[in-house]
PDB file of N, CA and C in Angstrom:
ATOM      1  N   MET A   1     -14.849 -15.747 -29.267  1.00  0.00           N
ATOM      2  CA  MET A   1     -13.569 -15.458 -28.641  1.00  0.00           C
ATOM      3  C   MET A   1     -12.505 -16.461 -29.115  1.00  0.00           C
ATOM      4  N   ASN A   2     -11.307 -16.107 -28.815  1.00  0.00           N
ATOM      5  CA  ASN A   2     -10.177 -16.958 -29.168  1.00  0.00           C
ATOM      6  C   ASN A   2     -10.102 -18.129 -28.194  1.00  0.00           C
ATOM      7  N   SER A   3      -9.918 -19.330 -28.694  1.00  0.00           N
ATOM      8  CA  SER A   3      -9.864 -20.496 -27.820  1.00  0.00           C
ATOM      9  C   SER A   3      -8.525 -20.609 -27.098  1.00  0.00           C
ATOM     10  N   TRP A   4      -7.534 -19.847 -27.521  1.00  0.00           N
ATOM     11  CA  TRP A   4      -6.219 -19.907 -26.887  1.00  0.00           C
ATOM     12  C   TRP A   4      -6.101 -18.945 -25.717  1.00  0.00           C
ATOM     13  N   ILE A   5      -6.823 -17.858 -25.774  1.00  0.00           N
ATOM     14  CA  ILE A   5      -6.694 -16.821 -24.746  1.00  0.00           C
ATOM     15  C   ILE A   5      -8.055 -16.592 -24.099  1.00  0.00           C
ATOM     16  N   ASN A   6      -8.112 -16.763 -22.798  1.00  0.00           N
ATOM     17  CA  ASN A   6      -9.316 -16.466 -22.036  1.00  0.00           C
ATOM     18  C   ASN A   6      -9.196 -15.018 -21.543  1.00  0.00           C
ATOM     19  N   LEU A   7      -9.885 -14.099 -22.223  1.00  0.00           N
ATOM     20  CA  LEU A   7      -9.745 -12.677 -21.917  1.00  0.00           C
ATOM     21  C   LEU A   7     -10.269 -12.330 -20.531  1.00  0.00           C
ATOM     22  N   SER A   8     -11.275 -13.024 -20.062  1.00  0.00           N
ATOM     23  CA  SER A   8     -11.807 -12.768 -18.731  1.00  0.00           C
ATOM     24  C   SER A   8     -10.761 -13.096 -17.659  1.00  0.00           C
ATOM     25  N   ALA A   9     -10.127 -14.235 -17.780  1.00  0.00           N
ATOM     26  CA  ALA A   9      -9.087 -14.614 -16.829  1.00  0.00           C
ATOM     27  C   ALA A   9      -7.870 -13.705 -16.948  1.00  0.00           C
ATOM     28  N   LEU A  10      -7.521 -13.335 -18.160  1.00  0.00           N
ATOM     29  CA  LEU A  10      -6.380 -12.437 -18.372  1.00  0.00           C
ATOM     30  C   LEU A  10      -6.621 -11.090 -17.719  1.00  0.00           C
ATOM     31  N   TRP A  11      -7.837 -10.558 -17.850  1.00  0.00           N
ATOM     32  CA  TRP A  11      -8.167  -9.276 -17.241  1.00  0.00           C
ATOM     33  C   TRP A  11      -8.044  -9.350 -15.715  1.00  0.00           C
ATOM     34  N   LYS A  12      -8.531 -10.429 -15.110  1.00  0.00           N
ATOM     35  CA  LYS A  12      -8.443 -10.588 -13.656  1.00  0.00           C
ATOM     36  C   LYS A  12      -6.987 -10.672 -13.206  1.00  0.00           C
ATOM     37  N   ILE A  13      -6.161 -11.382 -13.945  1.00  0.00           N
ATOM     38  CA  ILE A  13      -4.748 -11.512 -13.601  1.00  0.00           C
ATOM     39  C   ILE A  13      -4.045 -10.163 -13.679  1.00  0.00           C
ATOM     40  N   VAL A  14      -4.344  -9.382 -14.696  1.00  0.00           N
ATOM     41  CA  VAL A  14      -3.715  -8.066 -14.849  1.00  0.00           C
ATOM     42  C   VAL A  14      -4.124  -7.142 -13.702  1.00  0.00           C
ATOM     43  N   VAL A  15      -5.397  -7.124 -13.351  1.00  0.00           N
ATOM     44  CA  VAL A  15      -5.869  -6.238 -12.278  1.00  0.00           C
ATOM     45  C   VAL A  15      -5.252  -6.619 -10.943  1.00  0.00           C
ATOM     46  N   VAL A  16      -5.270  -7.904 -10.613  1.00  0.00           N
ATOM     47  CA  VAL A  16      -4.685  -8.337  -9.338  1.00  0.00           C
ATOM     48  C   VAL A  16      -3.177  -8.106  -9.338  1.00  0.00           C
ATOM     49  N   GLY A  17      -2.529  -8.338 -10.456  1.00  0.00           N
ATOM     50  CA  GLY A  17      -1.091  -8.091 -10.540  1.00  0.00           C
ATOM     51  C   GLY A  17      -0.740  -6.630 -10.343  1.00  0.00           C
ATOM     52  N   LEU A  18      -1.526  -5.738 -10.922  1.00  0.00           N
ATOM     53  CA  LEU A  18      -1.266  -4.310 -10.733  1.00  0.00           C
ATOM     54  C   LEU A  18      -1.519  -3.876  -9.297  1.00  0.00           C
ATOM     55  N   LEU A  19      -2.607  -4.372  -8.712  1.00  0.00           N
ATOM     56  CA  LEU A  19      -2.912  -3.997  -7.333  1.00  0.00           C
ATOM     57  C   LEU A  19      -1.855  -4.523  -6.367  1.00  0.00           C
ATOM     58  N   ALA A  20      -1.485  -5.770  -6.512  1.00  0.00           N
ATOM     59  CA  ALA A  20      -0.518  -6.357  -5.585  1.00  0.00           C
ATOM     60  C   ALA A  20       0.907  -5.943  -5.920  1.00  0.00           C
ATOM     61  N   GLY A  21       1.209  -5.825  -7.188  1.00  0.00           N
ATOM     62  CA  GLY A  21       2.582  -5.536  -7.592  1.00  0.00           C
ATOM     63  C   GLY A  21       2.960  -4.080  -7.504  1.00  0.00           C
ATOM     64  N   ALA A  22       2.019  -3.191  -7.723  1.00  0.00           N
ATOM     65  CA  ALA A  22       2.318  -1.764  -7.668  1.00  0.00           C
ATOM     66  C   ALA A  22       1.528  -1.060  -6.574  1.00  0.00           C
ATOM     67  N   GLY A  23       0.336  -1.522  -6.305  1.00  0.00           N
ATOM     68  CA  GLY A  23      -0.523  -0.854  -5.336  1.00  0.00           C
ATOM     69  C   GLY A  23      -0.048  -0.985  -3.901  1.00  0.00           C
ATOM     70  N   LEU A  24       0.343  -2.182  -3.498  1.00  0.00           N
ATOM     71  CA  LEU A  24       0.780  -2.364  -2.116  1.00  0.00           C
ATOM     72  C   LEU A  24       2.097  -1.649  -1.813  1.00  0.00           C
ATOM     73  N   PRO A  25       3.104  -1.708  -2.673  1.00  0.00           N
ATOM     74  CA  PRO A  25       4.303  -0.906  -2.398  1.00  0.00           C
ATOM     75  C   PRO A  25       4.023   0.595  -2.400  1.00  0.00           C
ATOM     76  N   ALA A  26       3.126   1.043  -3.260  1.00  0.00           N
ATOM     77  CA  ALA A  26       2.769   2.469  -3.270  1.00  0.00           C
ATOM     78  C   ALA A  26       2.049   2.845  -1.980  1.00  0.00           C
ATOM     79  N   LEU A  27       1.181   1.982  -1.497  1.00  0.00           N
ATOM     80  CA  LEU A  27       0.485   2.251  -0.238  1.00  0.00           C
ATOM     81  C   LEU A  27       1.463   2.262   0.933  1.00  0.00           C
ATOM     82  N   PHE A  28       2.430   1.369   0.918  1.00  0.00           N
ATOM     83  CA  PHE A  28       3.467   1.371   1.946  1.00  0.00           C
ATOM     84  C   PHE A  28       4.257   2.678   1.909  1.00  0.00           C
ATOM     85  N   ALA A  29       4.566   3.152   0.707  1.00  0.00           N
ATOM     86  CA  ALA A  29       5.299   4.416   0.564  1.00  0.00           C
ATOM     87  C   ALA A  29       4.482   5.591   1.092  1.00  0.00           C
ATOM     88  N   VAL A  30       3.176   5.565   0.881  1.00  0.00           N
ATOM     89  CA  VAL A  30       2.319   6.628   1.421  1.00  0.00           C
ATOM     90  C   VAL A  30       2.368   6.603   2.950  1.00  0.00           C
ATOM     91  N   GLY A  31       2.363   5.403   3.529  1.00  0.00           N
ATOM     92  CA  GLY A  31       2.450   5.298   4.980  1.00  0.00           C
ATOM     93  C   GLY A  31       3.764   5.822   5.527  1.00  0.00           C
ATOM     94  N   VAL A  32       4.862   5.501   4.857  1.00  0.00           N
ATOM     95  CA  VAL A  32       6.170   6.002   5.299  1.00  0.00           C
ATOM     96  C   VAL A  32       6.227   7.513   5.148  1.00  0.00           C
ATOM     97  N   ARG A  33       5.670   8.021   4.064  1.00  0.00           N
ATOM     98  CA  ARG A  33       5.668   9.472   3.832  1.00  0.00           C
ATOM     99  C   ARG A  33       4.814  10.193   4.865  1.00  0.00           C
ATOM    100  N   ALA A  34       3.733   9.560   5.299  1.00  0.00           N
ATOM    101  CA  ALA A  34       2.872  10.169   6.310  1.00  0.00           C
ATOM    102  C   ALA A  34       3.589  10.292   7.645  1.00  0.00           C
ATOM    103  N   LEU A  35       4.530   9.399   7.914  1.00  0.00           N
ATOM    104  CA  LEU A  35       5.282   9.481   9.162  1.00  0.00           C
ATOM    105  C   LEU A  35       6.377  10.538   9.120  1.00  0.00           C
ATOM    106  N   ASN A  36       6.765  10.966   7.930  1.00  0.00           N
ATOM    107  CA  ASN A  36       7.843  11.933   7.801  1.00  0.00           C
ATOM    108  C   ASN A  36       7.403  13.064   6.869  1.00  0.00           C
ATOM    109  N   PRO A  37       6.582  13.985   7.381  1.00  0.00           N
ATOM    110  CA  PRO A  37       6.110  15.075   6.523  1.00  0.00           C
ATOM    111  C   PRO A  37       7.254  16.024   6.175  1.00  0.00           C
ATOM    112  N   PRO A  38       7.066  16.864   5.167  1.00  0.00           N
ATOM    113  CA  PRO A  38       8.132  17.806   4.808  1.00  0.00           C
ATOM    114  C   PRO A  38       8.433  18.751   5.959  1.00  0.00           C
ATOM    115  N   ALA A  39       9.709  19.068   6.092  1.00  0.00           N
ATOM    116  CA  ALA A  39      10.130  19.940   7.189  1.00  0.00           C
ATOM    117  C   ALA A  39       9.600  21.351   6.970  1.00  0.00           C
ATOM    118  N   ARG A  40       8.982  21.888   7.988  1.00  0.00           N
ATOM    119  CA  ARG A  40       8.507  23.264   7.961  1.00  0.00           C
ATOM    120  C   ARG A  40       9.190  24.009   9.100  1.00  0.00           C
ATOM    121  N   THR A  41       9.207  25.280   8.999  1.00  0.00           N
ATOM    122  CA  THR A  41       9.801  26.071  10.073  1.00  0.00           C
ATOM    123  C   THR A  41       8.717  26.891  10.739  1.00  0.00           C
ATOM    124  N   ASP A  42       8.896  27.075  12.043  1.00  0.00           N
ATOM    125  CA  ASP A  42       7.967  27.950  12.751  1.00  0.00           C
ATOM    126  C   ASP A  42       8.432  29.395  12.586  1.00  0.00           C
ATOM    127  N   GLY A  43       7.866  30.295  13.302  1.00  0.00           N
ATOM    128  CA  GLY A  43       8.195  31.713  13.157  1.00  0.00           C
ATOM    129  C   GLY A  43       9.646  32.036  13.478  1.00  0.00           C
ATOM    130  N   ALA A  44      10.296  31.244  14.351  1.00  0.00           N
ATOM    131  CA  ALA A  44      11.673  31.514  14.750  1.00  0.00           C
ATOM    132  C   ALA A  44      12.681  30.826  13.834  1.00  0.00           C
ATOM    133  N   GLY A  45      12.210  30.087  12.836  1.00  0.00           N
ATOM    134  CA  GLY A  45      13.125  29.399  11.928  1.00  0.00           C
ATOM    135  C   GLY A  45      13.518  28.012  12.383  1.00  0.00           C
ATOM    136  N   THR A  46      12.899  27.523  13.454  1.00  0.00           N
ATOM    137  CA  THR A  46      13.189  26.177  13.953  1.00  0.00           C
ATOM    138  C   THR A  46      12.457  25.156  13.087  1.00  0.00           C
ATOM    139  N   PRO A  47      13.175  24.143  12.545  1.00  0.00           N
ATOM    140  CA  PRO A  47      12.488  23.160  11.688  1.00  0.00           C
ATOM    141  C   PRO A  47      11.548  22.282  12.500  1.00  0.00           C
ATOM    142  N   ARG A  48      10.383  22.022  11.917  1.00  0.00           N
ATOM    143  CA  ARG A  48       9.406  21.122  12.522  1.00  0.00           C
ATOM    144  C   ARG A  48       9.093  20.046  11.502  1.00  0.00           C
ATOM    145  N   GLY A  49       9.466  18.811  11.770  1.00  0.00           N
ATOM    146  CA  GLY A  49       9.235  17.740  10.814  1.00  0.00           C
ATOM    147  C   GLY A  49       8.625  16.504  11.431  1.00  0.00           C
ATOM    148  N   THR A  50       8.006  16.639  12.574  1.00  0.00           N
ATOM    149  CA  THR A  50       7.431  15.460  13.217  1.00  0.00           C
ATOM    150  C   THR A  50       6.012  15.228  12.709  1.00  0.00           C
ATOM    151  N   ALA A  51       5.636  13.974  12.653  1.00  0.00           N
ATOM    152  CA  ALA A  51       4.300  13.614  12.180  1.00  0.00           C
ATOM    153  C   ALA A  51       3.291  13.891  13.276  1.00  0.00           C
ATOM    154  N   GLY A  52       2.186  14.472  12.908  1.00  0.00           N
ATOM    155  CA  GLY A  52       1.112  14.718  13.853  1.00  0.00           C
ATOM    156  C   GLY A  52       0.219  13.502  13.989  1.00  0.00           C
ATOM    157  N   ALA A  53      -0.883  13.694  14.665  1.00  0.00           N
ATOM    158  CA  ALA A  53      -1.819  12.594  14.890  1.00  0.00           C
ATOM    159  C   ALA A  53      -2.417  12.101  13.572  1.00  0.00           C
ATOM    160  N   LEU A  54      -2.677  13.007  12.649  1.00  0.00           N
ATOM    161  CA  LEU A  54      -3.227  12.604  11.359  1.00  0.00           C
ATOM    162  C   LEU A  54      -2.222  11.760  10.578  1.00  0.00           C
ATOM    163  N   GLY A  55      -0.951  12.138  10.632  1.00  0.00           N
ATOM    164  CA  GLY A  55       0.082  11.358   9.956  1.00  0.00           C
ATOM    165  C   GLY A  55       0.197   9.952  10.517  1.00  0.00           C
ATOM    166  N   TRP A  56       0.138   9.856  11.829  1.00  0.00           N
ATOM    167  CA  TRP A  56       0.199   8.532  12.455  1.00  0.00           C
ATOM    168  C   TRP A  56      -1.021   7.689  12.084  1.00  0.00           C
ATOM    169  N   ALA A  57      -2.197   8.313  12.026  1.00  0.00           N
ATOM    170  CA  ALA A  57      -3.417   7.574  11.682  1.00  0.00           C
ATOM    171  C   ALA A  57      -3.364   7.086  10.230  1.00  0.00           C
ATOM    172  N   VAL A  58      -2.930   7.957   9.326  1.00  0.00           N
ATOM    173  CA  VAL A  58      -2.819   7.568   7.918  1.00  0.00           C
ATOM    174  C   VAL A  58      -1.810   6.429   7.761  1.00  0.00           C
ATOM    175  N   ALA A  59      -0.671   6.549   8.429  1.00  0.00           N
ATOM    176  CA  ALA A  59       0.352   5.510   8.352  1.00  0.00           C
ATOM    177  C   ALA A  59      -0.165   4.190   8.928  1.00  0.00           C
ATOM    178  N   ALA A  60      -0.876   4.249  10.025  1.00  0.00           N
ATOM    179  CA  ALA A  60      -1.405   3.027  10.634  1.00  0.00           C
ATOM    180  C   ALA A  60      -2.388   2.327   9.705  1.00  0.00           C
ATOM    181  N   VAL A  61      -3.256   3.099   9.055  1.00  0.00           N
ATOM    182  CA  VAL A  61      -4.217   2.507   8.121  1.00  0.00           C
ATOM    183  C   VAL A  61      -3.490   1.889   6.928  1.00  0.00           C
ATOM    184  N   CYS A  62      -2.512   2.605   6.382  1.00  0.00           N
ATOM    185  CA  CYS A  62      -1.756   2.084   5.237  1.00  0.00           C
ATOM    186  C   CYS A  62      -1.033   0.796   5.592  1.00  0.00           C
ATOM    187  N   PHE A  63      -0.356   0.790   6.722  1.00  0.00           N
ATOM    188  CA  PHE A  63       0.390  -0.401   7.129  1.00  0.00           C
ATOM    189  C   PHE A  63      -0.550  -1.551   7.462  1.00  0.00           C
ATOM    190  N   ALA A  64      -1.720  -1.257   8.033  1.00  0.00           N
ATOM    191  CA  ALA A  64      -2.688  -2.312   8.341  1.00  0.00           C
ATOM    192  C   ALA A  64      -3.208  -2.967   7.059  1.00  0.00           C
ATOM    193  N   VAL A  65      -3.466  -2.163   6.030  1.00  0.00           N
ATOM    194  CA  VAL A  65      -3.940  -2.711   4.763  1.00  0.00           C
ATOM    195  C   VAL A  65      -2.862  -3.590   4.129  1.00  0.00           C
ATOM    196  N   VAL A  66      -1.607  -3.134   4.179  1.00  0.00           N
ATOM    197  CA  VAL A  66      -0.507  -3.919   3.610  1.00  0.00           C
ATOM    198  C   VAL A  66      -0.338  -5.234   4.369  1.00  0.00           C
ATOM    199  N   LEU A  67      -0.383  -5.166   5.690  1.00  0.00           N
ATOM    200  CA  LEU A  67      -0.259  -6.395   6.490  1.00  0.00           C
ATOM    201  C   LEU A  67      -1.435  -7.338   6.248  1.00  0.00           C
ATOM    202  N   ALA A  68      -2.632  -6.800   6.091  1.00  0.00           N
ATOM    203  CA  ALA A  68      -3.792  -7.648   5.810  1.00  0.00           C
ATOM    204  C   ALA A  68      -3.645  -8.334   4.460  1.00  0.00           C
ATOM    205  N   ALA A  69      -3.135  -7.626   3.476  1.00  0.00           N
ATOM    206  CA  ALA A  69      -2.936  -8.229   2.149  1.00  0.00           C
ATOM    207  C   ALA A  69      -1.875  -9.320   2.210  1.00  0.00           C
ATOM    208  N   ILE A  70      -0.829  -9.096   2.977  1.00  0.00           N
ATOM    209  CA  ILE A  70       0.206 -10.120   3.134  1.00  0.00           C
ATOM    210  C   ILE A  70      -0.374 -11.353   3.824  1.00  0.00           C
ATOM    211  N   GLY A  71      -1.128 -11.124   4.889  1.00  0.00           N
ATOM    212  CA  GLY A  71      -1.756 -12.243   5.594  1.00  0.00           C
ATOM    213  C   GLY A  71      -2.730 -13.011   4.729  1.00  0.00           C
ATOM    214  N   TRP A  72      -3.508 -12.286   3.925  1.00  0.00           N
ATOM    215  CA  TRP A  72      -4.441 -12.940   3.010  1.00  0.00           C
ATOM    216  C   TRP A  72      -3.691 -13.767   1.972  1.00  0.00           C
ATOM    217  N   GLY A  73      -2.622 -13.234   1.441  1.00  0.00           N
ATOM    218  CA  GLY A  73      -1.827 -13.968   0.457  1.00  0.00           C
ATOM    219  C   GLY A  73      -1.233 -15.238   1.036  1.00  0.00           C
ATOM    220  N   ILE A  74      -0.728 -15.150   2.248  1.00  0.00           N
ATOM    221  CA  ILE A  74      -0.164 -16.342   2.899  1.00  0.00           C
ATOM    222  C   ILE A  74      -1.254 -17.376   3.147  1.00  0.00           C
ATOM    223  N   SER A  75      -2.439 -16.911   3.585  1.00  0.00           N
ATOM    224  CA  SER A  75      -3.517 -17.861   3.851  1.00  0.00           C
ATOM    225  C   SER A  75      -4.004 -18.549   2.576  1.00  0.00           C
ATOM    226  N   VAL A  76      -3.995 -17.825   1.458  1.00  0.00           N
ATOM    227  CA  VAL A  76      -4.398 -18.432   0.189  1.00  0.00           C
ATOM    228  C   VAL A  76      -3.383 -19.489  -0.223  1.00  0.00           C
ATOM    229  N   ILE A  77      -2.109 -19.181  -0.055  1.00  0.00           N
ATOM    230  CA  ILE A  77      -1.068 -20.147  -0.418  1.00  0.00           C
ATOM    231  C   ILE A  77      -1.147 -21.395   0.457  1.00  0.00           C
ATOM    232  N   VAL A  78      -1.330 -21.218   1.760  1.00  0.00           N
ATOM    233  CA  VAL A  78      -1.371 -22.341   2.681  1.00  0.00           C
ATOM    234  C   VAL A  78      -2.638 -23.184   2.441  1.00  0.00           C
ATOM    235  N   ALA A  79      -3.755 -22.547   2.128  1.00  0.00           N
ATOM    236  CA  ALA A  79      -5.000 -23.278   1.931  1.00  0.00           C
ATOM    237  C   ALA A  79      -4.976 -24.141   0.672  1.00  0.00           C
ATOM    238  N   HIS A  80      -4.168 -23.791  -0.301  1.00  0.00           N
ATOM    239  CA  HIS A  80      -4.131 -24.547  -1.558  1.00  0.00           C
ATOM    240  C   HIS A  80      -3.039 -25.612  -1.580  1.00  0.00           C
ATOM    241  N   ARG A  81      -2.427 -25.890  -0.458  1.00  0.00           N
ATOM    242  CA  ARG A  81      -1.390 -26.940  -0.426  1.00  0.00           C
ATOM    243  C   ARG A  81      -2.004 -28.273  -0.141  1.00  0.00           C
TER     244      ARG A  81
END
């Protein structure tokens, strides 16, 4: 291997960067989207756009994962001071 570049460490940095940099905002967006489903109309033409129980559950799980990742990141930073 090249003595200048540690490919194992580089691979770990790229994976964590993609997960934290793109994965967490995408998961947050899924949670927000679950709370606001597309508007549908019932038989009378009245729009229905409220989130059901499944939407609330999906949003809660998404937000819990994002909050856990934030808490873990803060704890890692504080532990290394």
